[in-house]
Amino acid sequence: MSTAGVTIDALVERFNESQQTLQQAAEKLNSIALAEDGAQSAAHAVDAAASALRDLAAQLGESTAGLAQAQESARQLLEQSREILESSEIAALREDVAAMRTDMVAYVTQTAQRLDTNESRVTAILDELNNLIGERLEGSESRVAAKLDELNALAAQLAEERGARAAAEKRLSDALSVLSDKQKRRANL
């Protein structure tokens, strides 16, 4: 029995080892099958991603073509706007406004100078009147009356020139407003 016992024990042990080896082989085959399923899923995912990428590339191609067309339209619009701005009518209008602005500035400057001169004359007459009153000379009343008349005439002239200056400033302001509006409209083209 010992021979038969050793042999049976060895066979049982070998049978157990074979069973473990078969179990390990089954597990490896199962792992390979799972890996193959994973590889197939990954291949399907890659195919789906490639298809989505092709679709996106096609869409981007269409969008790029649309953007190129929009850019060309914008370029043409800007070119037309430049041509309009350079047209003789706009150039003439621009020159007229510049000339008007120059004339108005010159007029306002001249009016301010005249006002300064008249104010100096008024101050001088007032100083003379003060001297006449202070001296109380004979016959000074007629000279005082003449100086008062001159002073009243200068005051009236000064008021008239101030009104003219205000009107000139108003015309300049209106002209600048018109120019600003035209520039805004031109910018909106």
C-alpha atoms as a PDB file:
ATOM      1  CA  MET A   1       0.000   0.000   0.000  1.00  0.00           C
ATOM      2  CA  SER A   2       2.717   2.251   0.560  1.00  0.00           C
ATOM      3  CA  THR A   3       3.578   2.122  -3.119  1.00  0.00           C
ATOM      4  CA  ALA A   4      -0.013   2.385  -4.002  1.00  0.00           C
ATOM      5  CA  GLY A   5      -0.559   5.031  -1.297  1.00  0.00           C
ATOM      6  CA  VAL A   6       2.310   7.155  -2.524  1.00  0.00           C
ATOM      7  CA  THR A   7       1.101   6.875  -6.008  1.00  0.00           C
ATOM      8  CA  ILE A   8      -2.478   7.706  -5.094  1.00  0.00           C
ATOM      9  CA  ASP A   9      -1.370  10.635  -2.936  1.00  0.00           C
ATOM     10  CA  ALA A  10       0.892  11.823  -5.724  1.00  0.00           C
ATOM     11  CA  LEU A  11      -1.944  11.456  -8.187  1.00  0.00           C
ATOM     12  CA  VAL A  12      -4.322  13.378  -5.938  1.00  0.00           C
ATOM     13  CA  GLU A  13      -1.704  16.092  -5.562  1.00  0.00           C
ATOM     14  CA  ARG A  14      -1.080  16.165  -9.282  1.00  0.00           C
ATOM     15  CA  PHE A  15      -4.791  16.238  -9.875  1.00  0.00           C
ATOM     16  CA  ASN A  16      -5.091  19.227  -7.488  1.00  0.00           C
ATOM     17  CA  GLU A  17      -2.180  20.964  -9.248  1.00  0.00           C
ATOM     18  CA  SER A  18      -3.765  20.302 -12.638  1.00  0.00           C
ATOM     19  CA  GLN A  19      -7.034  21.662 -11.379  1.00  0.00           C
ATOM     20  CA  GLN A  20      -5.298  24.839 -10.152  1.00  0.00           C
ATOM     21  CA  THR A  21      -3.464  25.155 -13.474  1.00  0.00           C
ATOM     22  CA  LEU A  22      -6.742  24.746 -15.346  1.00  0.00           C
ATOM     23  CA  GLN A  23      -8.381  27.314 -13.084  1.00  0.00           C
ATOM     24  CA  GLN A  24      -5.509  29.747 -13.694  1.00  0.00           C
ATOM     25  CA  ALA A  25      -5.759  29.101 -17.448  1.00  0.00           C
ATOM     26  CA  ALA A  26      -9.530  29.763 -17.295  1.00  0.00           C
ATOM     27  CA  GLU A  27      -8.902  33.018 -15.428  1.00  0.00           C
ATOM     28  CA  LYS A  28      -6.287  34.085 -18.026  1.00  0.00           C
ATOM     29  CA  LEU A  29      -8.669  33.209 -20.875  1.00  0.00           C
ATOM     30  CA  ASN A  30     -11.393  35.179 -19.124  1.00  0.00           C
ATOM     31  CA  SER A  31      -8.972  38.162 -18.756  1.00  0.00           C
ATOM     32  CA  ILE A  32      -8.042  37.902 -22.442  1.00  0.00           C
ATOM     33  CA  ALA A  33     -11.736  37.846 -23.399  1.00  0.00           C
ATOM     34  CA  LEU A  34     -12.378  40.937 -21.230  1.00  0.00           C
ATOM     35  CA  ALA A  35      -9.340  42.674 -22.729  1.00  0.00           C
ATOM     36  CA  GLU A  36     -10.572  41.827 -26.211  1.00  0.00           C
ATOM     37  CA  ASP A  37     -14.028  43.229 -25.363  1.00  0.00           C
ATOM     38  CA  GLY A  38     -12.300  46.372 -23.985  1.00  0.00           C
ATOM     39  CA  ALA A  39     -10.197  46.656 -27.144  1.00  0.00           C
ATOM     40  CA  GLN A  40     -13.319  46.351 -29.286  1.00  0.00           C
ATOM     41  CA  SER A  41     -15.080  49.003 -27.177  1.00  0.00           C
ATOM     42  CA  ALA A  42     -12.013  51.244 -27.468  1.00  0.00           C
ATOM     43  CA  ALA A  43     -11.898  50.665 -31.230  1.00  0.00           C
ATOM     44  CA  HIS A  44     -15.592  51.612 -31.473  1.00  0.00           C
ATOM     45  CA  ALA A  45     -14.940  54.714 -29.350  1.00  0.00           C
ATOM     46  CA  VAL A  46     -11.979  55.679 -31.558  1.00  0.00           C
ATOM     47  CA  ASP A  47     -14.125  55.165 -34.666  1.00  0.00           C
ATOM     48  CA  ALA A  48     -16.909  57.292 -33.148  1.00  0.00           C
ATOM     49  CA  ALA A  49     -14.394  59.995 -32.146  1.00  0.00           C
ATOM     50  CA  ALA A  50     -12.866  59.953 -35.638  1.00  0.00           C
ATOM     51  CA  SER A  51     -16.334  60.290 -37.174  1.00  0.00           C
ATOM     52  CA  ALA A  52     -17.176  63.175 -34.815  1.00  0.00           C
ATOM     53  CA  LEU A  53     -13.843  64.800 -35.664  1.00  0.00           C
ATOM     54  CA  ARG A  54     -14.585  64.494 -39.401  1.00  0.00           C
ATOM     55  CA  ASP A  55     -18.010  66.063 -38.842  1.00  0.00           C
ATOM     56  CA  LEU A  56     -16.448  68.884 -36.790  1.00  0.00           C
ATOM     57  CA  ALA A  57     -13.814  69.484 -39.474  1.00  0.00           C
ATOM     58  CA  ALA A  58     -16.576  69.732 -42.090  1.00  0.00           C
ATOM     59  CA  GLN A  59     -18.536  72.167 -39.924  1.00  0.00           C
ATOM     60  CA  LEU A  60     -15.423  74.238 -39.276  1.00  0.00           C
ATOM     61  CA  GLY A  61     -14.725  74.284 -43.012  1.00  0.00           C
ATOM     62  CA  GLU A  62     -18.222  75.649 -43.637  1.00  0.00           C
ATOM     63  CA  SER A  63     -17.825  78.191 -40.814  1.00  0.00           C
ATOM     64  CA  THR A  64     -14.435  79.270 -42.149  1.00  0.00           C
ATOM     65  CA  ALA A  65     -15.907  79.801 -45.585  1.00  0.00           C
ATOM     66  CA  GLY A  66     -18.718  81.873 -44.035  1.00  0.00           C
ATOM     67  CA  LEU A  67     -16.236  83.927 -42.023  1.00  0.00           C
ATOM     68  CA  ALA A  68     -14.106  84.525 -45.116  1.00  0.00           C
ATOM     69  CA  GLN A  69     -17.181  85.726 -46.971  1.00  0.00           C
ATOM     70  CA  ALA A  70     -18.176  88.009 -44.065  1.00  0.00           C
ATOM     71  CA  GLN A  71     -14.653  89.401 -43.900  1.00  0.00           C
ATOM     72  CA  GLU A  72     -14.710  90.135 -47.642  1.00  0.00           C
ATOM     73  CA  SER A  73     -18.087  91.881 -47.270  1.00  0.00           C
ATOM     74  CA  ALA A  74     -16.714  93.986 -44.405  1.00  0.00           C
ATOM     75  CA  ARG A  75     -13.635  94.867 -46.474  1.00  0.00           C
ATOM     76  CA  GLN A  76     -15.818  95.942 -49.387  1.00  0.00           C
ATOM     77  CA  LEU A  77     -18.006  98.030 -47.072  1.00  0.00           C
ATOM     78  CA  LEU A  78     -14.956  99.749 -45.615  1.00  0.00           C
ATOM     79  CA  GLU A  79     -13.630 100.414 -49.105  1.00  0.00           C
ATOM     80  CA  GLN A  80     -16.948 101.942 -50.137  1.00  0.00           C
ATOM     81  CA  SER A  81     -16.995 104.058 -46.967  1.00  0.00           C
ATOM     82  CA  ARG A  82     -13.489 105.304 -47.713  1.00  0.00           C
ATOM     83  CA  GLU A  83     -14.537 106.216 -51.248  1.00  0.00           C
ATOM     84  CA  ILE A  84     -17.555 108.115 -49.917  1.00  0.00           C
ATOM     85  CA  LEU A  85     -15.403 109.999 -47.420  1.00  0.00           C
ATOM     86  CA  GLU A  86     -12.960 110.920 -50.147  1.00  0.00           C
ATOM     87  CA  SER A  87     -15.699 112.047 -52.535  1.00  0.00           C
ATOM     88  CA  SER A  88     -15.637 115.676 -53.595  1.00  0.00           C
ATOM     89  CA  GLU A  89     -18.925 116.527 -51.844  1.00  0.00           C
ATOM     90  CA  ILE A  90     -17.668 115.387 -48.461  1.00  0.00           C
ATOM     91  CA  ALA A  91     -14.296 117.029 -49.062  1.00  0.00           C
ATOM     92  CA  ALA A  92     -16.021 120.285 -50.035  1.00  0.00           C
ATOM     93  CA  LEU A  93     -18.247 120.105 -46.974  1.00  0.00           C
ATOM     94  CA  ARG A  94     -15.225 119.468 -44.797  1.00  0.00           C
ATOM     95  CA  GLU A  95     -13.446 122.493 -46.335  1.00  0.00           C
ATOM     96  CA  ASP A  96     -16.543 124.680 -45.877  1.00  0.00           C
ATOM     97  CA  VAL A  97     -16.839 123.709 -42.227  1.00  0.00           C
ATOM     98  CA  ALA A  98     -13.120 124.345 -41.672  1.00  0.00           C
ATOM     99  CA  ALA A  99     -13.402 127.764 -43.340  1.00  0.00           C
ATOM    100  CA  MET A 100     -16.503 128.575 -41.287  1.00  0.00           C
ATOM    101  CA  ARG A 101     -14.704 127.555 -38.114  1.00  0.00           C
ATOM    102  CA  THR A 102     -11.711 129.761 -39.040  1.00  0.00           C
ATOM    103  CA  ASP A 103     -13.989 132.739 -39.814  1.00  0.00           C
ATOM    104  CA  MET A 104     -15.921 132.287 -36.575  1.00  0.00           C
ATOM    105  CA  VAL A 105     -12.759 132.066 -34.495  1.00  0.00           C
ATOM    106  CA  ALA A 106     -11.406 135.216 -36.194  1.00  0.00           C
ATOM    107  CA  TYR A 107     -14.687 137.062 -35.611  1.00  0.00           C
ATOM    108  CA  VAL A 108     -14.856 136.042 -31.951  1.00  0.00           C
ATOM    109  CA  THR A 109     -11.210 137.061 -31.483  1.00  0.00           C
ATOM    110  CA  GLN A 110     -11.790 140.472 -33.110  1.00  0.00           C
ATOM    111  CA  THR A 111     -14.929 141.029 -31.047  1.00  0.00           C
ATOM    112  CA  ALA A 112     -13.051 140.175 -27.857  1.00  0.00           C
ATOM    113  CA  GLN A 113     -10.292 142.617 -28.803  1.00  0.00           C
ATOM    114  CA  ARG A 114     -12.826 145.377 -29.493  1.00  0.00           C
ATOM    115  CA  LEU A 115     -14.496 144.653 -26.146  1.00  0.00           C
ATOM    116  CA  ASP A 116     -11.146 144.918 -24.400  1.00  0.00           C
ATOM    117  CA  THR A 117     -10.418 148.214 -26.186  1.00  0.00           C
ATOM    118  CA  ASN A 118     -13.850 149.649 -25.330  1.00  0.00           C
ATOM    119  CA  GLU A 119     -13.529 148.570 -21.730  1.00  0.00           C
ATOM    120  CA  SER A 120     -10.170 150.355 -21.572  1.00  0.00           C
ATOM    121  CA  ARG A 121     -11.798 153.492 -23.027  1.00  0.00           C
ATOM    122  CA  VAL A 122     -14.640 153.299 -20.496  1.00  0.00           C
ATOM    123  CA  THR A 123     -12.098 152.989 -17.696  1.00  0.00           C
ATOM    124  CA  ALA A 124     -10.204 156.031 -19.029  1.00  0.00           C
ATOM    125  CA  ILE A 125     -13.417 158.108 -19.266  1.00  0.00           C
ATOM    126  CA  LEU A 126     -14.378 157.114 -15.731  1.00  0.00           C
ATOM    127  CA  ASP A 127     -10.948 158.181 -14.558  1.00  0.00           C
ATOM    128  CA  GLU A 128     -11.382 161.551 -16.318  1.00  0.00           C
ATOM    129  CA  LEU A 129     -14.820 161.978 -14.773  1.00  0.00           C
ATOM    130  CA  ASN A 130     -13.405 161.296 -11.357  1.00  0.00           C
ATOM    131  CA  ASN A 131     -10.707 163.901 -12.001  1.00  0.00           C
ATOM    132  CA  LEU A 132     -13.276 166.453 -13.181  1.00  0.00           C
ATOM    133  CA  ILE A 133     -15.496 165.872 -10.233  1.00  0.00           C
ATOM    134  CA  GLY A 134     -12.546 166.020  -7.897  1.00  0.00           C
ATOM    135  CA  GLU A 135     -11.311 169.311  -9.298  1.00  0.00           C
ATOM    136  CA  ARG A 136     -14.727 171.026  -9.330  1.00  0.00           C
ATOM    137  CA  LEU A 137     -13.633 173.436 -11.949  1.00  0.00           C
ATOM    138  CA  GLU A 138     -15.826 176.092 -13.426  1.00  0.00           C
ATOM    139  CA  GLY A 139     -17.690 174.857 -16.404  1.00  0.00           C
ATOM    140  CA  SER A 140     -16.905 171.309 -15.506  1.00  0.00           C
ATOM    141  CA  GLU A 141     -20.575 170.402 -15.558  1.00  0.00           C
ATOM    142  CA  SER A 142     -20.686 170.644 -19.357  1.00  0.00           C
ATOM    143  CA  ARG A 143     -17.529 168.565 -19.663  1.00  0.00           C
ATOM    144  CA  VAL A 144     -18.982 166.028 -17.214  1.00  0.00           C
ATOM    145  CA  ALA A 145     -22.204 165.854 -19.247  1.00  0.00           C
ATOM    146  CA  ALA A 146     -20.191 165.347 -22.460  1.00  0.00           C
ATOM    147  CA  LYS A 147     -18.149 162.599 -20.864  1.00  0.00           C
ATOM    148  CA  LEU A 148     -21.310 160.971 -19.482  1.00  0.00           C
ATOM    149  CA  ASP A 149     -22.838 161.033 -22.975  1.00  0.00           C
ATOM    150  CA  GLU A 150     -19.653 159.492 -24.374  1.00  0.00           C
ATOM    151  CA  LEU A 151     -19.718 156.902 -21.602  1.00  0.00           C
ATOM    152  CA  ASN A 152     -23.381 156.021 -22.313  1.00  0.00           C
ATOM    153  CA  ALA A 153     -22.642 155.684 -26.041  1.00  0.00           C
ATOM    154  CA  LEU A 154     -19.695 153.382 -25.297  1.00  0.00           C
ATOM    155  CA  ALA A 155     -21.802 151.338 -22.876  1.00  0.00           C
ATOM    156  CA  ALA A 156     -24.459 150.893 -25.578  1.00  0.00           C
ATOM    157  CA  GLN A 157     -21.790 149.923 -28.130  1.00  0.00           C
ATOM    158  CA  LEU A 158     -20.257 147.506 -25.617  1.00  0.00           C
ATOM    159  CA  ALA A 159     -23.665 145.888 -24.992  1.00  0.00           C
ATOM    160  CA  GLU A 160     -24.202 145.562 -28.750  1.00  0.00           C
ATOM    161  CA  GLU A 161     -20.796 143.973 -29.265  1.00  0.00           C
ATOM    162  CA  ARG A 162     -21.395 141.565 -26.386  1.00  0.00           C
ATOM    163  CA  GLY A 163     -24.662 140.541 -28.075  1.00  0.00           C
ATOM    164  CA  ALA A 164     -22.821 140.075 -31.362  1.00  0.00           C
ATOM    165  CA  ARG A 165     -20.165 138.033 -29.605  1.00  0.00           C
ATOM    166  CA  ALA A 166     -22.797 135.806 -27.999  1.00  0.00           C
ATOM    167  CA  ALA A 167     -24.473 135.325 -31.395  1.00  0.00           C
ATOM    168  CA  ALA A 168     -21.119 134.472 -33.001  1.00  0.00           C
ATOM    169  CA  GLU A 169     -20.353 131.969 -30.250  1.00  0.00           C
ATOM    170  CA  LYS A 170     -23.802 130.432 -30.772  1.00  0.00           C
ATOM    171  CA  ARG A 171     -23.210 130.138 -34.545  1.00  0.00           C
ATOM    172  CA  LEU A 172     -19.805 128.538 -33.872  1.00  0.00           C
ATOM    173  CA  SER A 173     -21.347 126.117 -31.400  1.00  0.00           C
ATOM    174  CA  ASP A 174     -24.109 125.225 -33.883  1.00  0.00           C
ATOM    175  CA  ALA A 175     -21.567 124.712 -36.684  1.00  0.00           C
ATOM    176  CA  LEU A 176     -19.454 122.465 -34.460  1.00  0.00           C
ATOM    177  CA  SER A 177     -22.560 120.519 -33.478  1.00  0.00           C
ATOM    178  CA  VAL A 178     -23.485 120.005 -37.151  1.00  0.00           C
ATOM    179  CA  LEU A 179     -19.920 118.881 -37.884  1.00  0.00           C
ATOM    180  CA  SER A 180     -19.986 116.475 -34.947  1.00  0.00           C
ATOM    181  CA  ASP A 181     -23.326 115.008 -36.103  1.00  0.00           C
ATOM    182  CA  LYS A 182     -21.973 114.527 -39.626  1.00  0.00           C
ATOM    183  CA  GLN A 183     -18.861 112.847 -38.281  1.00  0.00           C
ATOM    184  CA  LYS A 184     -21.032 110.499 -36.197  1.00  0.00           C
ATOM    185  CA  ARG A 185     -23.170 109.649 -39.228  1.00  0.00           C
ATOM    186  CA  ARG A 186     -20.070 109.087 -41.296  1.00  0.00           C
ATOM    187  CA  ALA A 187     -18.664 106.813 -38.575  1.00  0.00           C
ATOM    188  CA  ASN A 188     -21.909 104.807 -38.649  1.00  0.00           C
ATOM    189  CA  LEU A 189     -21.504 104.161 -42.372  1.00  0.00           C
END
